[in-house]
Amino acid sequence: MKKRAPHTHRELELLDALRRLGGAARNSDLAKTLDVSEETVRRTIKALSKSGAIERVHGGAYLAGTQGDPSFFRRIAQHSDEKRLIGAKVAAMVREGMTLFLDVGSTTAFVAEELRQRSNLTVVTNSIGVAQTLVGVNNNRVHLLGGEMQSDERGSFGHVTHRQARRFAFDLAVLSTDAISARQGFLYLSAAEADLASVVADSAERSLVAVAHFKYGETAPYCGPDPRRVHDMVTDLAPEGELAAAFRDWGIKIHLATGAESRAGKK
C-alpha cells in the first residue's frame, strides 16, 4: 500500500489558517492571512484537496470531514469584507481580562480571529471554530460548552449548553442573528440558537450583536433575546427609518465598523 506523503510546510500553514478562520475561507482571505499570492493559495488548495484534507469550492475551500449541510462554510465566505471590519470593531471594544461569550455565527468567527491579538481573556463558546481559533493563544482560557452537537452550525446546543452557560459571569456576550425586525427584534432560523442567545443575554453584564446590514428587514421564525437586553450593535451600515427608530426605543447603541462611513457614501 502506497504511503501518503506528509503535508508540506505551506500546506500545514494553510490548514491552520482555515481552522483559525472558522473552517472555511475564500482564496483572497487565505492569501491575506498567509501573506502570499492567491495563486500560491490555489496551488496549495489543489494539493490538499487531492490528499482529501480539504474540499474545494468556487473561490475558496473548507476543511474536509464535516458532516451534514456545509451551509456554515458558505455563509462565512459571503460578505467577508464587511464581516472582517465588524470583527475588528468588536475586538477593539474588548478589554484584556474580560470574560466573553462568542456564539457560532459566521461574523463571530471573524471576531474570534481578531481576538487572537488580545490576552488573558476567558472565552466561553459553543462554537468548535471559535474554540480552535483562540485556544492556546496569549494566555487566553477557552471553555467549550457541552450539549448536543449540530453539524451544520459546528456547535453545541440544548439544555446542557444552557446550564453550563449560566455558570459564567459574562462581561460581554457577542451574539449573531439571522434577521432583524423593527417589530420583533433579533430573529433566528434555528430555535436552538434563539434559545441559547436569550439565555446568554440574560447572563451577561453587556450584550452585543455583531451583524452586517444585509440582515436588516429579513425574516426568520424564532425570536431571540429581548432587544432591551441588548446594549450594542456593531454593523457596517447604520439602520434607517422604522428600524432606526426601533433601535432608539430599545436603547441599543449603534457602532459603525471602521470604513463603513466611506462605503455608505458610495451607495
C-alpha atoms as a PDB file:
ATOM      1  CA  MET A   1       0.000   0.000   0.000  1.00  0.00           C
ATOM      2  CA  LYS A   2       1.397   3.374  -1.044  1.00  0.00           C
ATOM      3  CA  LYS A   3       2.118   5.655   1.904  1.00  0.00           C
ATOM      4  CA  ARG A   4       0.672   9.171   1.628  1.00  0.00           C
ATOM      5  CA  ALA A   5       3.325  11.881   1.557  1.00  0.00           C
ATOM      6  CA  PRO A   6       3.355  14.227   4.584  1.00  0.00           C
ATOM      7  CA  HIS A   7       1.991  17.723   4.174  1.00  0.00           C
ATOM      8  CA  THR A   8       4.436  20.446   3.221  1.00  0.00           C
ATOM      9  CA  HIS A   9       5.059  23.407   5.500  1.00  0.00           C
ATOM     10  CA  ARG A  10       2.904  25.612   3.251  1.00  0.00           C
ATOM     11  CA  GLU A  11       0.051  23.078   3.344  1.00  0.00           C
ATOM     12  CA  LEU A  12       0.201  22.909   7.141  1.00  0.00           C
ATOM     13  CA  GLU A  13       0.103  26.718   7.321  1.00  0.00           C
ATOM     14  CA  LEU A  14      -2.976  26.824   5.101  1.00  0.00           C
ATOM     15  CA  LEU A  15      -4.751  24.151   7.149  1.00  0.00           C
ATOM     16  CA  ASP A  16      -4.032  26.119  10.327  1.00  0.00           C
ATOM     17  CA  ALA A  17      -5.324  29.314   8.715  1.00  0.00           C
ATOM     18  CA  LEU A  18      -8.549  27.557   7.688  1.00  0.00           C
ATOM     19  CA  ARG A  19      -9.083  26.362  11.260  1.00  0.00           C
ATOM     20  CA  ARG A  20      -8.480  29.875  12.620  1.00  0.00           C
ATOM     21  CA  LEU A  21     -10.924  31.337  10.098  1.00  0.00           C
ATOM     22  CA  GLY A  22     -13.658  29.025  11.347  1.00  0.00           C
ATOM     23  CA  GLY A  23     -13.157  26.103   8.965  1.00  0.00           C
ATOM     24  CA  ALA A  24     -13.674  27.817   5.606  1.00  0.00           C
ATOM     25  CA  ALA A  25     -12.442  30.859   3.737  1.00  0.00           C
ATOM     26  CA  ARG A  26     -12.104  32.480   0.352  1.00  0.00           C
ATOM     27  CA  ASN A  27      -8.805  32.307  -1.511  1.00  0.00           C
ATOM     28  CA  SER A  28      -8.333  36.059  -1.056  1.00  0.00           C
ATOM     29  CA  ASP A  29      -8.793  35.786   2.720  1.00  0.00           C
ATOM     30  CA  LEU A  30      -6.266  32.960   2.940  1.00  0.00           C
ATOM     31  CA  ALA A  31      -3.801  34.936   0.837  1.00  0.00           C
ATOM     32  CA  LYS A  32      -4.064  37.914   3.220  1.00  0.00           C
ATOM     33  CA  THR A  33      -3.762  35.718   6.303  1.00  0.00           C
ATOM     34  CA  LEU A  34      -0.701  33.873   4.985  1.00  0.00           C
ATOM     35  CA  ASP A  35       0.792  36.924   3.215  1.00  0.00           C
ATOM     36  CA  VAL A  36       1.150  35.055  -0.072  1.00  0.00           C
ATOM     37  CA  SER A  37      -0.356  35.382  -3.532  1.00  0.00           C
ATOM     38  CA  GLU A  38      -3.753  33.948  -4.420  1.00  0.00           C
ATOM     39  CA  GLU A  39      -2.042  31.766  -6.998  1.00  0.00           C
ATOM     40  CA  THR A  40       0.035  30.194  -4.216  1.00  0.00           C
ATOM     41  CA  VAL A  41      -3.156  29.614  -2.247  1.00  0.00           C
ATOM     42  CA  ARG A  42      -4.871  27.984  -5.235  1.00  0.00           C
ATOM     43  CA  ARG A  43      -1.932  25.636  -5.817  1.00  0.00           C
ATOM     44  CA  THR A  44      -1.840  24.676  -2.139  1.00  0.00           C
ATOM     45  CA  ILE A  45      -5.598  24.110  -2.030  1.00  0.00           C
ATOM     46  CA  LYS A  46      -5.384  21.899  -5.116  1.00  0.00           C
ATOM     47  CA  ALA A  47      -2.716  19.746  -3.471  1.00  0.00           C
ATOM     48  CA  LEU A  48      -4.634  19.499  -0.190  1.00  0.00           C
ATOM     49  CA  SER A  49      -7.865  18.584  -1.968  1.00  0.00           C
ATOM     50  CA  LYS A  50      -6.093  15.707  -3.721  1.00  0.00           C
ATOM     51  CA  SER A  51      -4.976  14.387  -0.330  1.00  0.00           C
ATOM     52  CA  GLY A  52      -8.548  14.693   0.997  1.00  0.00           C
ATOM     53  CA  ALA A  53      -7.667  17.202   3.712  1.00  0.00           C
ATOM     54  CA  ILE A  54      -9.943  19.950   2.364  1.00  0.00           C
ATOM     55  CA  GLU A  55     -12.847  20.419  -0.038  1.00  0.00           C
ATOM     56  CA  ARG A  56     -12.618  22.994  -2.823  1.00  0.00           C
ATOM     57  CA  VAL A  57     -15.493  25.362  -3.571  1.00  0.00           C
ATOM     58  CA  HIS A  58     -15.705  28.220  -6.050  1.00  0.00           C
ATOM     59  CA  GLY A  59     -13.230  30.850  -4.888  1.00  0.00           C
ATOM     60  CA  GLY A  60     -12.266  29.088  -1.651  1.00  0.00           C
ATOM     61  CA  ALA A  61     -12.114  25.930   0.412  1.00  0.00           C
ATOM     62  CA  TYR A  62     -13.309  24.314   3.645  1.00  0.00           C
ATOM     63  CA  LEU A  63     -11.950  21.620   5.911  1.00  0.00           C
ATOM     64  CA  ALA A  64     -12.958  18.090   4.948  1.00  0.00           C
ATOM     65  CA  GLY A  65     -14.772  15.703   7.261  1.00  0.00           C
ATOM     66  CA  THR A  66     -17.702  17.977   8.047  1.00  0.00           C
ATOM     67  CA  GLN A  67     -20.924  16.057   8.438  1.00  0.00           C
ATOM     68  CA  GLY A  68     -24.235  17.309   7.106  1.00  0.00           C
ATOM     69  CA  ASP A  69     -25.050  20.537   5.281  1.00  0.00           C
ATOM     70  CA  PRO A  70     -21.951  22.737   4.807  1.00  0.00           C
ATOM     71  CA  SER A  71     -24.089  25.872   4.997  1.00  0.00           C
ATOM     72  CA  PHE A  72     -21.830  27.442   7.628  1.00  0.00           C
ATOM     73  CA  PHE A  73     -18.907  27.325   5.228  1.00  0.00           C
ATOM     74  CA  ARG A  74     -20.915  29.014   2.502  1.00  0.00           C
ATOM     75  CA  ARG A  75     -22.018  31.735   4.919  1.00  0.00           C
ATOM     76  CA  ILE A  76     -18.533  32.506   6.173  1.00  0.00           C
ATOM     77  CA  ALA A  77     -17.346  33.043   2.610  1.00  0.00           C
ATOM     78  CA  GLN A  78     -20.155  35.545   1.925  1.00  0.00           C
ATOM     79  CA  HIS A  79     -19.735  39.281   2.670  1.00  0.00           C
ATOM     80  CA  SER A  80     -16.363  38.548   4.268  1.00  0.00           C
ATOM     81  CA  ASP A  81     -15.074  42.125   3.819  1.00  0.00           C
ATOM     82  CA  GLU A  82     -17.953  43.506   5.891  1.00  0.00           C
ATOM     83  CA  LYS A  83     -17.609  40.760   8.485  1.00  0.00           C
ATOM     84  CA  ARG A  84     -13.882  41.394   8.837  1.00  0.00           C
ATOM     85  CA  LEU A  85     -14.487  45.106   9.512  1.00  0.00           C
ATOM     86  CA  ILE A  86     -17.147  44.239  12.073  1.00  0.00           C
ATOM     87  CA  GLY A  87     -14.846  41.693  13.719  1.00  0.00           C
ATOM     88  CA  ALA A  88     -12.094  44.290  14.111  1.00  0.00           C
ATOM     89  CA  LYS A  89     -14.532  46.826  15.607  1.00  0.00           C
ATOM     90  CA  VAL A  90     -15.867  44.320  18.137  1.00  0.00           C
ATOM     91  CA  ALA A  91     -12.353  43.268  19.136  1.00  0.00           C
ATOM     92  CA  ALA A  92     -11.437  46.912  19.748  1.00  0.00           C
ATOM     93  CA  MET A  93     -14.238  47.035  22.347  1.00  0.00           C
ATOM     94  CA  VAL A  94     -12.788  44.101  24.294  1.00  0.00           C
ATOM     95  CA  ARG A  95     -10.500  44.757  27.257  1.00  0.00           C
ATOM     96  CA  GLU A  96      -7.878  42.330  28.458  1.00  0.00           C
ATOM     97  CA  GLY A  97      -9.041  40.120  31.296  1.00  0.00           C
ATOM     98  CA  MET A  98     -12.692  40.089  30.192  1.00  0.00           C
ATOM     99  CA  THR A  99     -14.941  37.039  30.303  1.00  0.00           C
ATOM    100  CA  LEU A 100     -16.647  36.731  26.928  1.00  0.00           C
ATOM    101  CA  PHE A 101     -19.239  34.570  25.221  1.00  0.00           C
ATOM    102  CA  LEU A 102     -18.966  34.067  21.458  1.00  0.00           C
ATOM    103  CA  ASP A 103     -21.604  32.156  19.505  1.00  0.00           C
ATOM    104  CA  VAL A 104     -21.484  30.068  16.314  1.00  0.00           C
ATOM    105  CA  GLY A 105     -22.258  32.849  13.841  1.00  0.00           C
ATOM    106  CA  SER A 106     -20.077  33.358  10.776  1.00  0.00           C
ATOM    107  CA  THR A 107     -19.445  37.001  11.748  1.00  0.00           C
ATOM    108  CA  THR A 108     -18.382  35.830  15.199  1.00  0.00           C
ATOM    109  CA  ALA A 109     -15.695  33.705  13.531  1.00  0.00           C
ATOM    110  CA  PHE A 110     -14.095  36.939  12.305  1.00  0.00           C
ATOM    111  CA  VAL A 111     -14.366  38.433  15.811  1.00  0.00           C
ATOM    112  CA  ALA A 112     -12.516  35.407  17.174  1.00  0.00           C
ATOM    113  CA  GLU A 113      -9.727  35.824  14.626  1.00  0.00           C
ATOM    114  CA  GLU A 114      -9.251  39.469  15.688  1.00  0.00           C
ATOM    115  CA  LEU A 115      -9.230  38.489  19.368  1.00  0.00           C
ATOM    116  CA  ARG A 116      -6.037  36.490  18.834  1.00  0.00           C
ATOM    117  CA  GLN A 117      -4.287  39.827  19.435  1.00  0.00           C
ATOM    118  CA  ARG A 118      -5.842  40.107  22.924  1.00  0.00           C
ATOM    119  CA  SER A 119      -4.531  38.350  26.024  1.00  0.00           C
ATOM    120  CA  ASN A 120      -5.761  36.999  29.357  1.00  0.00           C
ATOM    121  CA  LEU A 121      -9.322  36.548  28.140  1.00  0.00           C
ATOM    122  CA  THR A 122     -11.738  33.929  29.397  1.00  0.00           C
ATOM    123  CA  VAL A 123     -13.663  32.885  26.305  1.00  0.00           C
ATOM    124  CA  VAL A 124     -16.783  30.742  26.575  1.00  0.00           C
ATOM    125  CA  THR A 125     -18.288  29.421  23.352  1.00  0.00           C
ATOM    126  CA  ASN A 126     -20.476  26.733  21.848  1.00  0.00           C
ATOM    127  CA  SER A 127     -18.533  27.009  18.575  1.00  0.00           C
ATOM    128  CA  ILE A 128     -15.864  24.499  17.583  1.00  0.00           C
ATOM    129  CA  GLY A 129     -14.304  27.058  15.242  1.00  0.00           C
ATOM    130  CA  VAL A 130     -14.073  29.800  17.879  1.00  0.00           C
ATOM    131  CA  ALA A 131     -12.502  27.385  20.350  1.00  0.00           C
ATOM    132  CA  GLN A 132      -9.938  26.252  17.780  1.00  0.00           C
ATOM    133  CA  THR A 133      -9.083  29.840  16.909  1.00  0.00           C
ATOM    134  CA  LEU A 134      -8.408  31.076  20.443  1.00  0.00           C
ATOM    135  CA  VAL A 135      -7.203  28.113  22.478  1.00  0.00           C
ATOM    136  CA  GLY A 136      -3.552  28.318  23.482  1.00  0.00           C
ATOM    137  CA  VAL A 137      -3.155  31.936  22.335  1.00  0.00           C
ATOM    138  CA  ASN A 138      -1.792  34.785  24.504  1.00  0.00           C
ATOM    139  CA  ASN A 139      -2.680  33.146  27.802  1.00  0.00           C
ATOM    140  CA  ASN A 140      -6.378  33.064  26.911  1.00  0.00           C
ATOM    141  CA  ARG A 141      -8.566  30.468  28.600  1.00  0.00           C
ATOM    142  CA  VAL A 142     -11.198  28.803  26.410  1.00  0.00           C
ATOM    143  CA  HIS A 143     -14.273  26.888  27.607  1.00  0.00           C
ATOM    144  CA  LEU A 144     -16.199  24.875  25.002  1.00  0.00           C
ATOM    145  CA  LEU A 145     -19.753  24.324  26.215  1.00  0.00           C
ATOM    146  CA  GLY A 146     -21.197  20.831  26.175  1.00  0.00           C
ATOM    147  CA  GLY A 147     -24.518  19.790  24.715  1.00  0.00           C
ATOM    148  CA  GLU A 148     -25.835  18.206  21.551  1.00  0.00           C
ATOM    149  CA  MET A 149     -23.695  18.986  18.509  1.00  0.00           C
ATOM    150  CA  GLN A 150     -25.307  20.382  15.370  1.00  0.00           C
ATOM    151  CA  SER A 151     -23.018  19.719  12.436  1.00  0.00           C
ATOM    152  CA  ASP A 152     -24.408  22.430  10.165  1.00  0.00           C
ATOM    153  CA  GLU A 153     -23.600  25.079  12.786  1.00  0.00           C
ATOM    154  CA  ARG A 154     -20.455  23.324  14.102  1.00  0.00           C
ATOM    155  CA  GLY A 155     -21.592  23.958  17.648  1.00  0.00           C
ATOM    156  CA  SER A 156     -23.411  22.640  20.710  1.00  0.00           C
ATOM    157  CA  PHE A 157     -26.975  23.425  21.792  1.00  0.00           C
ATOM    158  CA  GLY A 158     -29.659  22.310  24.227  1.00  0.00           C
ATOM    159  CA  HIS A 159     -30.365  22.253  27.963  1.00  0.00           C
ATOM    160  CA  VAL A 160     -26.840  21.106  28.870  1.00  0.00           C
ATOM    161  CA  THR A 161     -25.404  24.059  26.953  1.00  0.00           C
ATOM    162  CA  HIS A 162     -27.803  26.424  28.734  1.00  0.00           C
ATOM    163  CA  ARG A 163     -26.952  25.046  32.174  1.00  0.00           C
ATOM    164  CA  GLN A 164     -23.227  25.389  31.614  1.00  0.00           C
ATOM    165  CA  ALA A 165     -23.538  28.887  30.141  1.00  0.00           C
ATOM    166  CA  ARG A 166     -25.405  30.108  33.227  1.00  0.00           C
ATOM    167  CA  ARG A 167     -22.386  29.260  35.403  1.00  0.00           C
ATOM    168  CA  PHE A 168     -20.335  32.089  33.908  1.00  0.00           C
ATOM    169  CA  ALA A 169     -20.440  35.809  34.706  1.00  0.00           C
ATOM    170  CA  PHE A 170     -20.002  37.290  31.231  1.00  0.00           C
ATOM    171  CA  ASP A 171     -18.638  40.801  30.937  1.00  0.00           C
ATOM    172  CA  LEU A 172     -19.663  40.786  27.290  1.00  0.00           C
ATOM    173  CA  ALA A 173     -21.721  38.428  25.132  1.00  0.00           C
ATOM    174  CA  VAL A 174     -21.028  38.639  21.393  1.00  0.00           C
ATOM    175  CA  LEU A 175     -24.042  37.330  19.504  1.00  0.00           C
ATOM    176  CA  SER A 176     -25.042  36.967  15.874  1.00  0.00           C
ATOM    177  CA  THR A 177     -28.501  36.938  14.299  1.00  0.00           C
ATOM    178  CA  ASP A 178     -30.162  35.751  11.085  1.00  0.00           C
ATOM    179  CA  ALA A 179     -32.593  38.645  10.696  1.00  0.00           C
ATOM    180  CA  ILE A 180     -33.663  41.907  12.354  1.00  0.00           C
ATOM    181  CA  SER A 181     -37.260  43.082  12.502  1.00  0.00           C
ATOM    182  CA  ALA A 182     -38.365  46.510  13.688  1.00  0.00           C
ATOM    183  CA  ARG A 183     -41.322  44.859  15.415  1.00  0.00           C
ATOM    184  CA  GLN A 184     -39.888  41.579  16.694  1.00  0.00           C
ATOM    185  CA  GLY A 185     -36.207  42.306  17.178  1.00  0.00           C
ATOM    186  CA  PHE A 186     -33.485  39.731  16.606  1.00  0.00           C
ATOM    187  CA  LEU A 187     -34.686  36.632  14.774  1.00  0.00           C
ATOM    188  CA  TYR A 188     -33.141  33.205  14.132  1.00  0.00           C
ATOM    189  CA  LEU A 189     -33.621  30.354  11.702  1.00  0.00           C
ATOM    190  CA  SER A 190     -32.863  27.847  14.474  1.00  0.00           C
ATOM    191  CA  ALA A 191     -34.933  27.576  17.649  1.00  0.00           C
ATOM    192  CA  ALA A 192     -31.921  26.168  19.483  1.00  0.00           C
ATOM    193  CA  GLU A 193     -29.759  29.150  18.530  1.00  0.00           C
ATOM    194  CA  ALA A 194     -32.505  31.614  19.510  1.00  0.00           C
ATOM    195  CA  ASP A 195     -32.901  29.938  22.913  1.00  0.00           C
ATOM    196  CA  LEU A 196     -29.169  29.982  23.665  1.00  0.00           C
ATOM    197  CA  ALA A 197     -28.843  33.637  22.632  1.00  0.00           C
ATOM    198  CA  SER A 198     -31.642  34.518  25.073  1.00  0.00           C
ATOM    199  CA  VAL A 199     -30.033  32.550  27.919  1.00  0.00           C
ATOM    200  CA  VAL A 200     -26.649  34.179  27.380  1.00  0.00           C
ATOM    201  CA  ALA A 201     -28.054  37.713  27.034  1.00  0.00           C
ATOM    202  CA  ASP A 202     -29.801  37.281  30.383  1.00  0.00           C
ATOM    203  CA  SER A 203     -26.492  36.177  31.981  1.00  0.00           C
ATOM    204  CA  ALA A 204     -24.264  38.936  30.577  1.00  0.00           C
ATOM    205  CA  GLU A 205     -23.362  42.308  32.017  1.00  0.00           C
ATOM    206  CA  ARG A 206     -23.450  43.631  28.461  1.00  0.00           C
ATOM    207  CA  SER A 207     -24.718  42.026  25.238  1.00  0.00           C
ATOM    208  CA  LEU A 208     -23.606  42.936  21.734  1.00  0.00           C
ATOM    209  CA  VAL A 209     -24.943  41.815  18.367  1.00  0.00           C
ATOM    210  CA  ALA A 210     -22.451  41.754  15.500  1.00  0.00           C
ATOM    211  CA  VAL A 211     -24.293  41.815  12.175  1.00  0.00           C
ATOM    212  CA  ALA A 212     -23.868  43.075   8.614  1.00  0.00           C
ATOM    213  CA  HIS A 213     -26.544  45.330   7.139  1.00  0.00           C
ATOM    214  CA  PHE A 214     -27.948  42.741   4.711  1.00  0.00           C
ATOM    215  CA  LYS A 215     -29.794  41.158   7.673  1.00  0.00           C
ATOM    216  CA  TYR A 216     -31.932  44.311   8.094  1.00  0.00           C
ATOM    217  CA  GLY A 217     -35.584  43.687   7.328  1.00  0.00           C
ATOM    218  CA  GLU A 218     -35.068  39.958   6.782  1.00  0.00           C
ATOM    219  CA  THR A 219     -37.338  37.438   8.472  1.00  0.00           C
ATOM    220  CA  ALA A 220     -36.861  34.216  10.425  1.00  0.00           C
ATOM    221  CA  PRO A 221     -39.268  32.121  12.515  1.00  0.00           C
ATOM    222  CA  TYR A 222     -37.770  32.306  16.028  1.00  0.00           C
ATOM    223  CA  CYS A 223     -37.403  35.269  18.378  1.00  0.00           C
ATOM    224  CA  GLY A 224     -34.087  35.646  20.170  1.00  0.00           C
ATOM    225  CA  PRO A 225     -33.214  37.788  23.201  1.00  0.00           C
ATOM    226  CA  ASP A 226     -35.423  40.664  24.244  1.00  0.00           C
ATOM    227  CA  PRO A 227     -33.970  43.633  22.323  1.00  0.00           C
ATOM    228  CA  ARG A 228     -33.961  45.614  25.564  1.00  0.00           C
ATOM    229  CA  ARG A 229     -31.414  43.116  26.915  1.00  0.00           C
ATOM    230  CA  VAL A 230     -29.034  44.017  24.064  1.00  0.00           C
ATOM    231  CA  HIS A 231     -26.851  47.062  24.662  1.00  0.00           C
ATOM    232  CA  ASP A 232     -24.808  47.439  21.480  1.00  0.00           C
ATOM    233  CA  MET A 233     -24.897  46.520  17.812  1.00  0.00           C
ATOM    234  CA  VAL A 234     -21.789  46.590  15.613  1.00  0.00           C
ATOM    235  CA  THR A 235     -22.568  46.804  11.926  1.00  0.00           C
ATOM    236  CA  ASP A 236     -21.181  48.067   8.625  1.00  0.00           C
ATOM    237  CA  LEU A 237     -24.080  50.403   7.747  1.00  0.00           C
ATOM    238  CA  ALA A 238     -26.430  52.245  10.096  1.00  0.00           C
ATOM    239  CA  PRO A 239     -30.123  51.253  10.009  1.00  0.00           C
ATOM    240  CA  GLU A 240     -32.617  53.818   8.775  1.00  0.00           C
ATOM    241  CA  GLY A 241     -36.314  54.638   9.080  1.00  0.00           C
ATOM    242  CA  GLU A 242     -38.519  52.341  11.139  1.00  0.00           C
ATOM    243  CA  LEU A 243     -35.617  50.098  12.096  1.00  0.00           C
ATOM    244  CA  ALA A 244     -33.510  53.024  13.319  1.00  0.00           C
ATOM    245  CA  ALA A 245     -36.457  54.209  15.423  1.00  0.00           C
ATOM    246  CA  ALA A 246     -36.812  50.726  16.903  1.00  0.00           C
ATOM    247  CA  PHE A 247     -33.162  50.693  17.970  1.00  0.00           C
ATOM    248  CA  ARG A 248     -33.634  54.042  19.691  1.00  0.00           C
ATOM    249  CA  ASP A 249     -36.689  52.700  21.519  1.00  0.00           C
ATOM    250  CA  TRP A 250     -34.799  49.588  22.588  1.00  0.00           C
ATOM    251  CA  GLY A 251     -31.867  51.678  23.826  1.00  0.00           C
ATOM    252  CA  ILE A 252     -29.347  49.901  21.610  1.00  0.00           C
ATOM    253  CA  LYS A 253     -26.227  51.895  20.691  1.00  0.00           C
ATOM    254  CA  ILE A 254     -25.086  51.510  17.072  1.00  0.00           C
ATOM    255  CA  HIS A 255     -21.340  51.232  16.405  1.00  0.00           C
ATOM    256  CA  LEU A 256     -20.184  51.511  12.792  1.00  0.00           C
ATOM    257  CA  ALA A 257     -17.201  49.419  11.795  1.00  0.00           C
ATOM    258  CA  THR A 258     -14.158  51.292  10.510  1.00  0.00           C
ATOM    259  CA  GLY A 259     -14.518  52.064   6.824  1.00  0.00           C
ATOM    260  CA  ALA A 260     -18.316  51.754   6.870  1.00  0.00           C
ATOM    261  CA  GLU A 261     -18.821  55.507   6.533  1.00  0.00           C
ATOM    262  CA  SER A 262     -16.943  55.660   3.219  1.00  0.00           C
ATOM    263  CA  ARG A 263     -18.871  52.699   1.828  1.00  0.00           C
ATOM    264  CA  ALA A 264     -22.168  54.256   2.876  1.00  0.00           C
ATOM    265  CA  GLY A 265     -21.311  57.383   0.940  1.00  0.00           C
ATOM    266  CA  LYS A 266     -20.871  55.368  -2.236  1.00  0.00           C
ATOM    267  CA  LYS A 267     -24.307  53.755  -2.104  1.00  0.00           C
END
